[in-house]
């Protein structure tokens, strides 16, 4: 059984339960926005795969 590690990210408006087994599109639009905002405001490397997936679809 594969277990994932969940981590909670919280801003003023939304709480995101980070799950490394999820794709960015598995999250709701508000959670996606929070993930992108957190990445750019904190440069948190745990979101790098999500950001790369966005960048690869726009090139």
N, C-alpha and C. Protein backbone atom coordinates (compact mmCIF):
# COMPACT_ATOMS: atom_id res chain seq x y z
N UNK A 1 0.84 -1.17 0.00
CA UNK A 1 0.00 0.00 0.00
C UNK A 1 0.89 1.24 0.00
N UNK A 2 0.62 2.15 -0.92
CA UNK A 2 1.38 3.39 -1.03
C UNK A 2 0.73 4.45 -0.16
N UNK A 3 1.48 4.99 0.75
CA UNK A 3 0.97 6.06 1.61
C UNK A 3 1.59 7.37 1.17
N UNK A 4 0.82 8.41 1.18
CA UNK A 4 1.36 9.72 0.83
C UNK A 4 1.49 10.56 2.08
N UNK A 5 2.39 11.49 2.01
CA UNK A 5 2.58 12.41 3.12
C UNK A 5 1.79 13.66 2.79
N UNK A 6 0.90 14.04 3.68
CA UNK A 6 0.12 15.25 3.47
C UNK A 6 0.69 16.37 4.31
N UNK A 7 0.67 17.53 3.73
CA UNK A 7 1.15 18.71 4.42
C UNK A 7 0.12 19.81 4.19
N UNK A 8 -0.16 20.57 5.21
CA UNK A 8 -1.16 21.62 5.08
C UNK A 8 -0.48 22.95 4.84
N UNK A 9 -1.01 23.67 3.86
CA UNK A 9 -0.58 25.02 3.56
C UNK A 9 -1.77 25.93 3.79
N UNK A 10 -1.58 27.01 4.53
CA UNK A 10 -2.71 27.86 4.85
C UNK A 10 -2.37 29.32 4.59
N UNK A 11 -3.26 30.00 3.90
CA UNK A 11 -3.13 31.43 3.70
C UNK A 11 -4.30 32.11 4.38
N UNK A 12 -4.55 33.34 4.01
CA UNK A 12 -5.66 34.07 4.59
C UNK A 12 -7.01 33.46 4.23
N UNK A 13 -7.12 32.84 3.06
CA UNK A 13 -8.42 32.41 2.58
C UNK A 13 -8.60 30.90 2.46
N UNK A 14 -7.56 30.17 2.09
CA UNK A 14 -7.71 28.76 1.76
C UNK A 14 -6.70 27.89 2.50
N UNK A 15 -7.10 26.66 2.73
CA UNK A 15 -6.20 25.66 3.26
C UNK A 15 -6.01 24.59 2.20
N UNK A 16 -4.75 24.29 1.88
CA UNK A 16 -4.43 23.27 0.88
C UNK A 16 -3.75 22.12 1.59
N UNK A 17 -4.24 20.92 1.37
CA UNK A 17 -3.62 19.72 1.91
C UNK A 17 -2.72 19.16 0.82
N UNK A 18 -1.43 19.48 0.89
CA UNK A 18 -0.46 19.05 -0.12
C UNK A 18 -0.30 17.54 -0.07
N UNK A 19 -0.47 16.91 -1.21
CA UNK A 19 -0.33 15.47 -1.33
C UNK A 19 0.56 15.21 -2.55
N UNK A 20 1.74 14.67 -2.31
CA UNK A 20 2.73 14.50 -3.37
C UNK A 20 2.30 13.51 -4.44
N UNK A 21 1.24 12.75 -4.19
CA UNK A 21 0.77 11.80 -5.21
C UNK A 21 -0.26 12.42 -6.15
N UNK A 22 -0.69 13.65 -5.87
CA UNK A 22 -1.69 14.32 -6.70
C UNK A 22 -1.04 15.14 -7.80
N UNK A 23 -1.78 15.28 -8.89
CA UNK A 23 -1.44 16.18 -9.98
C UNK A 23 -2.07 17.53 -9.65
N UNK A 24 -1.52 18.61 -10.16
CA UNK A 24 -2.07 19.93 -9.89
C UNK A 24 -3.55 20.01 -10.26
N UNK A 25 -3.93 19.36 -11.36
CA UNK A 25 -5.32 19.41 -11.81
C UNK A 25 -6.27 18.60 -10.93
N UNK A 26 -5.72 17.82 -10.00
CA UNK A 26 -6.56 17.09 -9.05
C UNK A 26 -7.11 18.01 -7.96
N UNK A 27 -6.52 19.19 -7.83
CA UNK A 27 -6.97 20.16 -6.85
C UNK A 27 -8.03 21.07 -7.47
N UNK A 28 -8.87 21.66 -6.63
CA UNK A 28 -9.84 22.66 -7.09
C UNK A 28 -9.12 23.93 -7.52
N UNK A 29 -9.84 24.79 -8.23
CA UNK A 29 -9.22 26.00 -8.78
C UNK A 29 -8.66 26.91 -7.68
N UNK A 30 -9.34 27.01 -6.55
CA UNK A 30 -8.84 27.84 -5.45
C UNK A 30 -7.56 27.27 -4.86
N UNK A 31 -7.51 25.94 -4.74
CA UNK A 31 -6.30 25.30 -4.22
C UNK A 31 -5.15 25.44 -5.22
N UNK A 32 -5.43 25.33 -6.51
CA UNK A 32 -4.40 25.52 -7.53
C UNK A 32 -3.81 26.92 -7.41
N UNK A 33 -4.67 27.90 -7.27
CA UNK A 33 -4.21 29.29 -7.14
C UNK A 33 -3.35 29.46 -5.89
N UNK A 34 -3.74 28.84 -4.81
CA UNK A 34 -2.98 28.93 -3.56
C UNK A 34 -1.60 28.27 -3.70
N UNK A 35 -1.54 27.14 -4.39
CA UNK A 35 -0.27 26.45 -4.61
C UNK A 35 0.67 27.34 -5.42
N UNK A 36 0.16 27.92 -6.50
CA UNK A 36 0.99 28.79 -7.35
C UNK A 36 1.43 30.03 -6.57
N UNK A 37 0.51 30.64 -5.83
CA UNK A 37 0.85 31.82 -5.04
C UNK A 37 1.90 31.50 -3.99
N UNK A 38 1.74 30.38 -3.31
CA UNK A 38 2.71 30.00 -2.29
C UNK A 38 4.08 29.72 -2.90
N UNK A 39 4.10 29.08 -4.05
CA UNK A 39 5.39 28.79 -4.69
C UNK A 39 6.14 30.08 -4.99
N UNK A 40 5.44 31.05 -5.60
CA UNK A 40 6.11 32.28 -5.99
C UNK A 40 6.40 33.20 -4.81
N UNK A 41 5.63 33.11 -3.74
CA UNK A 41 5.89 33.99 -2.59
C UNK A 41 6.94 33.41 -1.64
N UNK A 42 7.07 32.07 -1.63
CA UNK A 42 8.03 31.47 -0.70
C UNK A 42 9.15 30.71 -1.41
N UNK A 43 8.98 30.48 -2.72
CA UNK A 43 9.94 29.70 -3.51
C UNK A 43 10.11 28.30 -2.92
N UNK A 44 9.01 27.74 -2.43
CA UNK A 44 9.01 26.43 -1.79
C UNK A 44 9.23 25.35 -2.86
N UNK A 45 10.30 24.57 -2.77
CA UNK A 45 10.61 23.59 -3.82
C UNK A 45 9.61 22.44 -3.92
N UNK A 46 8.79 22.21 -2.90
CA UNK A 46 7.85 21.09 -2.98
C UNK A 46 6.82 21.29 -4.09
N UNK A 47 6.62 22.54 -4.53
CA UNK A 47 5.66 22.82 -5.58
C UNK A 47 6.29 22.88 -6.98
N UNK A 48 7.58 22.66 -7.07
CA UNK A 48 8.30 22.79 -8.34
C UNK A 48 7.70 21.92 -9.44
N UNK A 49 7.34 20.69 -9.14
CA UNK A 49 6.76 19.82 -10.16
C UNK A 49 5.45 20.39 -10.70
N UNK A 50 4.64 20.98 -9.83
CA UNK A 50 3.39 21.58 -10.27
C UNK A 50 3.65 22.76 -11.21
N UNK A 51 4.60 23.59 -10.84
CA UNK A 51 4.91 24.77 -11.66
C UNK A 51 5.47 24.34 -13.00
N UNK A 52 6.32 23.34 -13.00
CA UNK A 52 6.87 22.84 -14.27
C UNK A 52 5.77 22.26 -15.16
N UNK A 53 4.77 21.61 -14.57
CA UNK A 53 3.68 21.06 -15.37
C UNK A 53 2.87 22.18 -16.03
N UNK A 54 2.72 23.30 -15.34
CA UNK A 54 2.02 24.44 -15.93
C UNK A 54 2.86 25.03 -17.06
N UNK A 55 4.14 25.23 -16.80
CA UNK A 55 5.03 25.83 -17.79
C UNK A 55 5.16 24.96 -19.03
N UNK A 56 5.14 23.66 -18.88
CA UNK A 56 5.30 22.77 -20.05
C UNK A 56 4.06 22.78 -20.94
N UNK A 57 2.91 23.10 -20.40
CA UNK A 57 1.70 23.14 -21.23
C UNK A 57 1.54 24.48 -21.94
N UNK A 58 2.30 25.49 -21.52
CA UNK A 58 2.18 26.80 -22.16
C UNK A 58 3.28 27.06 -23.17
N UNK A 59 4.24 26.16 -23.29
CA UNK A 59 5.33 26.36 -24.25
C UNK A 59 5.05 25.69 -25.57
